[in-house]
């Protein structure tokens, strides 16, 4: 389900999504594989990576764990 809120595409969400995508690609993990590892829907992950969804903290923790990094490392990568 698309996010039609005013937070959609906010600079912070875009930066975080780009950081997740960068780390994922750096580790050679496909979007589908990361979604499976983190137990999230692939289309949801795509929306997070584009900055279209405001990712919940527990989901962010699952994504970070699946990537083998900390949430802090993702935030630093995103410059947040």
N, C-alpha and C. Protein backbone atom coordinates (compact mmCIF):
# COMPACT_ATOMS: atom_id res chain seq x y z
N UNK A 1 0.84 -1.17 0.00
CA UNK A 1 0.00 0.00 0.00
C UNK A 1 0.89 1.24 0.00
N UNK A 2 0.71 2.13 -0.96
CA UNK A 2 1.54 3.33 -1.03
C UNK A 2 1.30 4.25 0.15
N UNK A 3 2.33 4.96 0.51
CA UNK A 3 2.24 5.93 1.59
C UNK A 3 1.89 7.27 0.97
N UNK A 4 0.72 7.79 1.28
CA UNK A 4 0.28 9.06 0.73
C UNK A 4 0.41 10.19 1.74
N UNK A 5 1.10 9.94 2.84
CA UNK A 5 1.24 10.96 3.88
C UNK A 5 2.20 12.05 3.45
N UNK A 6 2.21 13.12 4.20
CA UNK A 6 3.11 14.24 3.90
C UNK A 6 4.57 13.88 4.16
N UNK A 7 4.83 12.78 4.89
CA UNK A 7 6.21 12.36 5.16
C UNK A 7 6.83 11.62 3.99
N UNK A 8 6.01 11.23 3.00
CA UNK A 8 6.51 10.49 1.86
C UNK A 8 7.61 11.31 1.19
N UNK A 9 8.71 10.66 0.91
CA UNK A 9 9.85 11.27 0.24
C UNK A 9 10.49 12.39 1.05
N UNK A 10 10.34 12.37 2.37
CA UNK A 10 11.04 13.37 3.18
C UNK A 10 12.53 13.10 3.05
N UNK A 11 13.37 14.12 3.15
CA UNK A 11 14.81 13.92 2.99
C UNK A 11 15.38 12.86 3.93
N UNK A 12 14.88 12.78 5.15
CA UNK A 12 15.41 11.78 6.09
C UNK A 12 15.05 10.37 5.63
N UNK A 13 13.83 10.17 5.16
CA UNK A 13 13.42 8.84 4.69
C UNK A 13 14.18 8.44 3.43
N UNK A 14 14.39 9.40 2.54
CA UNK A 14 15.15 9.11 1.32
C UNK A 14 16.59 8.75 1.68
N UNK A 15 17.21 9.50 2.58
CA UNK A 15 18.59 9.21 2.99
C UNK A 15 18.71 7.84 3.64
N UNK A 16 17.76 7.51 4.50
CA UNK A 16 17.79 6.20 5.16
C UNK A 16 17.61 5.09 4.13
N UNK A 17 16.67 5.27 3.23
CA UNK A 17 16.45 4.27 2.18
C UNK A 17 17.67 4.08 1.30
N UNK A 18 18.33 5.18 0.96
CA UNK A 18 19.55 5.09 0.15
C UNK A 18 20.66 4.36 0.91
N UNK A 19 20.74 4.60 2.21
CA UNK A 19 21.74 3.92 3.03
C UNK A 19 21.49 2.41 3.07
N UNK A 20 20.23 2.03 3.24
CA UNK A 20 19.88 0.60 3.26
C UNK A 20 20.24 -0.02 1.92
N UNK A 21 19.86 0.64 0.83
CA UNK A 21 20.16 0.12 -0.51
C UNK A 21 21.68 0.02 -0.73
N UNK A 22 22.41 1.04 -0.31
CA UNK A 22 23.87 1.04 -0.51
C UNK A 22 24.52 -0.13 0.22
N UNK A 23 24.17 -0.32 1.48
CA UNK A 23 24.74 -1.42 2.26
C UNK A 23 24.34 -2.76 1.65
N UNK A 24 23.08 -2.87 1.26
CA UNK A 24 22.60 -4.12 0.65
C UNK A 24 23.38 -4.44 -0.61
N UNK A 25 23.55 -3.47 -1.49
CA UNK A 25 24.27 -3.69 -2.74
C UNK A 25 25.75 -3.94 -2.49
N UNK A 26 26.33 -3.24 -1.52
CA UNK A 26 27.74 -3.44 -1.16
C UNK A 26 27.99 -4.88 -0.71
N UNK A 27 27.00 -5.46 -0.05
CA UNK A 27 27.14 -6.83 0.45
C UNK A 27 26.67 -7.87 -0.58
N UNK A 28 26.23 -7.40 -1.75
CA UNK A 28 25.82 -8.31 -2.80
C UNK A 28 24.53 -9.05 -2.51
N UNK A 29 23.64 -8.42 -1.77
CA UNK A 29 22.37 -9.04 -1.39
C UNK A 29 21.27 -8.45 -2.26
N UNK A 30 20.46 -9.29 -2.84
CA UNK A 30 19.33 -8.80 -3.64
C UNK A 30 18.25 -8.26 -2.71
N UNK A 31 17.40 -7.44 -3.27
CA UNK A 31 16.28 -6.91 -2.49
C UNK A 31 15.38 -8.05 -2.01
N UNK A 32 15.15 -9.02 -2.87
CA UNK A 32 14.31 -10.16 -2.49
C UNK A 32 14.94 -10.95 -1.34
N UNK A 33 16.25 -11.18 -1.41
CA UNK A 33 16.94 -11.94 -0.35
C UNK A 33 16.89 -11.19 0.98
N UNK A 34 17.14 -9.87 0.94
CA UNK A 34 17.09 -9.09 2.18
C UNK A 34 15.68 -9.13 2.76
N UNK A 35 14.68 -9.01 1.92
CA UNK A 35 13.31 -9.07 2.41
C UNK A 35 13.03 -10.40 3.10
N UNK A 36 13.51 -11.48 2.50
CA UNK A 36 13.34 -12.80 3.12
C UNK A 36 14.08 -12.90 4.45
N UNK A 37 15.32 -12.43 4.48
CA UNK A 37 16.13 -12.49 5.70
C UNK A 37 15.52 -11.66 6.83
N UNK A 38 14.94 -10.53 6.48
CA UNK A 38 14.37 -9.63 7.49
C UNK A 38 12.89 -9.88 7.74
N UNK A 39 12.32 -10.82 7.01
CA UNK A 39 10.90 -11.16 7.15
C UNK A 39 10.00 -9.96 6.90
N UNK A 40 10.27 -9.27 5.78
CA UNK A 40 9.41 -8.18 5.33
C UNK A 40 9.05 -8.43 3.87
N UNK A 41 7.99 -7.82 3.42
CA UNK A 41 7.58 -7.97 2.03
C UNK A 41 8.56 -7.24 1.11
N UNK A 42 8.87 -7.84 -0.04
CA UNK A 42 9.83 -7.24 -0.97
C UNK A 42 9.36 -5.89 -1.46
N UNK A 43 8.08 -5.75 -1.74
CA UNK A 43 7.58 -4.47 -2.24
C UNK A 43 7.66 -3.40 -1.14
N UNK A 44 7.46 -3.81 0.12
CA UNK A 44 7.61 -2.87 1.24
C UNK A 44 9.06 -2.41 1.32
N UNK A 45 10.00 -3.34 1.19
CA UNK A 45 11.42 -2.98 1.23
C UNK A 45 11.74 -2.00 0.11
N UNK A 46 11.18 -2.22 -1.06
CA UNK A 46 11.41 -1.29 -2.17
C UNK A 46 10.91 0.10 -1.84
N UNK A 47 9.76 0.18 -1.21
CA UNK A 47 9.22 1.49 -0.81
C UNK A 47 10.09 2.15 0.26
N UNK A 48 10.63 1.35 1.18
CA UNK A 48 11.54 1.89 2.20
C UNK A 48 12.79 2.44 1.52
N UNK A 49 13.36 1.67 0.60
CA UNK A 49 14.58 2.11 -0.08
C UNK A 49 14.36 3.37 -0.92
N UNK A 50 13.15 3.58 -1.41
CA UNK A 50 12.84 4.79 -2.19
C UNK A 50 12.47 5.98 -1.29
N UNK A 51 12.28 5.73 0.01
CA UNK A 51 11.88 6.79 0.92
C UNK A 51 10.39 7.02 0.92
N UNK A 52 9.62 6.05 0.40
CA UNK A 52 8.17 6.18 0.34
C UNK A 52 7.47 5.71 1.61
N UNK A 53 8.16 4.96 2.45
CA UNK A 53 7.56 4.46 3.69
C UNK A 53 8.40 4.87 4.89
N UNK A 54 7.71 5.26 5.95
CA UNK A 54 8.35 5.59 7.21
C UNK A 54 8.54 4.27 7.97
N UNK A 55 9.72 3.72 7.90
CA UNK A 55 9.99 2.39 8.44
C UNK A 55 9.89 2.39 9.97
N UNK A 56 9.21 1.39 10.51
CA UNK A 56 9.09 1.24 11.96
C UNK A 56 10.44 0.83 12.54
N UNK A 57 10.69 1.21 13.76
CA UNK A 57 11.99 0.94 14.39
C UNK A 57 12.26 -0.56 14.47
N UNK A 58 11.25 -1.37 14.77
CA UNK A 58 11.48 -2.81 14.85
C UNK A 58 11.82 -3.39 13.48
N UNK A 59 11.22 -2.86 12.43
CA UNK A 59 11.56 -3.30 11.08
C UNK A 59 12.96 -2.85 10.72
N UNK A 60 13.33 -1.65 11.13
CA UNK A 60 14.69 -1.16 10.88
C UNK A 60 15.72 -2.05 11.57
N UNK A 61 15.41 -2.48 12.78
CA UNK A 61 16.30 -3.40 13.50
C UNK A 61 16.43 -4.72 12.74
N UNK A 62 15.32 -5.25 12.23
CA UNK A 62 15.36 -6.50 11.47
C UNK A 62 16.18 -6.34 10.19
N UNK A 63 16.02 -5.21 9.51
CA UNK A 63 16.79 -4.97 8.29
C UNK A 63 18.28 -4.85 8.60
N UNK A 64 18.61 -4.11 9.64
CA UNK A 64 20.01 -3.95 10.02
C UNK A 64 20.63 -5.30 10.39
N UNK A 65 19.91 -6.09 11.18
CA UNK A 65 20.40 -7.42 11.56
C UNK A 65 20.64 -8.29 10.32
N UNK A 66 19.70 -8.26 9.39
CA UNK A 66 19.82 -9.06 8.17
C UNK A 66 21.00 -8.61 7.32
N UNK A 67 21.34 -7.32 7.41
CA UNK A 67 22.48 -6.78 6.67
C UNK A 67 23.80 -6.97 7.42
N UNK A 68 23.73 -7.37 8.67
CA UNK A 68 24.94 -7.55 9.47
C UNK A 68 25.55 -6.24 9.94
N UNK A 69 24.69 -5.23 10.12
CA UNK A 69 25.15 -3.93 10.62
C UNK A 69 24.23 -3.51 11.76
N UNK A 70 24.58 -2.44 12.42
CA UNK A 70 23.73 -1.91 13.48
C UNK A 70 22.84 -0.80 12.91
N UNK A 71 21.79 -0.49 13.63
CA UNK A 71 20.94 0.64 13.25
C UNK A 71 21.79 1.91 13.26
N UNK A 72 22.68 2.03 14.21
CA UNK A 72 23.56 3.19 14.29
C UNK A 72 24.40 3.32 13.02
N UNK A 73 24.93 2.20 12.55
CA UNK A 73 25.73 2.25 11.32
C UNK A 73 24.88 2.69 10.12
N UNK A 74 23.64 2.24 10.06
CA UNK A 74 22.76 2.69 8.98
C UNK A 74 22.49 4.18 9.10
N UNK A 75 22.29 4.67 10.31
CA UNK A 75 22.04 6.10 10.51
C UNK A 75 23.25 6.93 10.13
N UNK A 76 24.43 6.44 10.46
CA UNK A 76 25.65 7.15 10.08
C UNK A 76 25.79 7.18 8.57
N UNK A 77 25.54 6.03 7.93
CA UNK A 77 25.59 5.94 6.47
C UNK A 77 24.61 6.93 5.84
N UNK A 78 23.45 7.10 6.48
CA UNK A 78 22.42 8.01 5.97
C UNK A 78 22.69 9.46 6.36
N UNK A 79 23.72 9.69 7.17
CA UNK A 79 24.06 11.00 7.69
C UNK A 79 22.90 11.62 8.49
N UNK A 80 22.30 10.76 9.32
CA UNK A 80 21.20 11.21 10.18
C UNK A 80 21.63 11.23 11.64
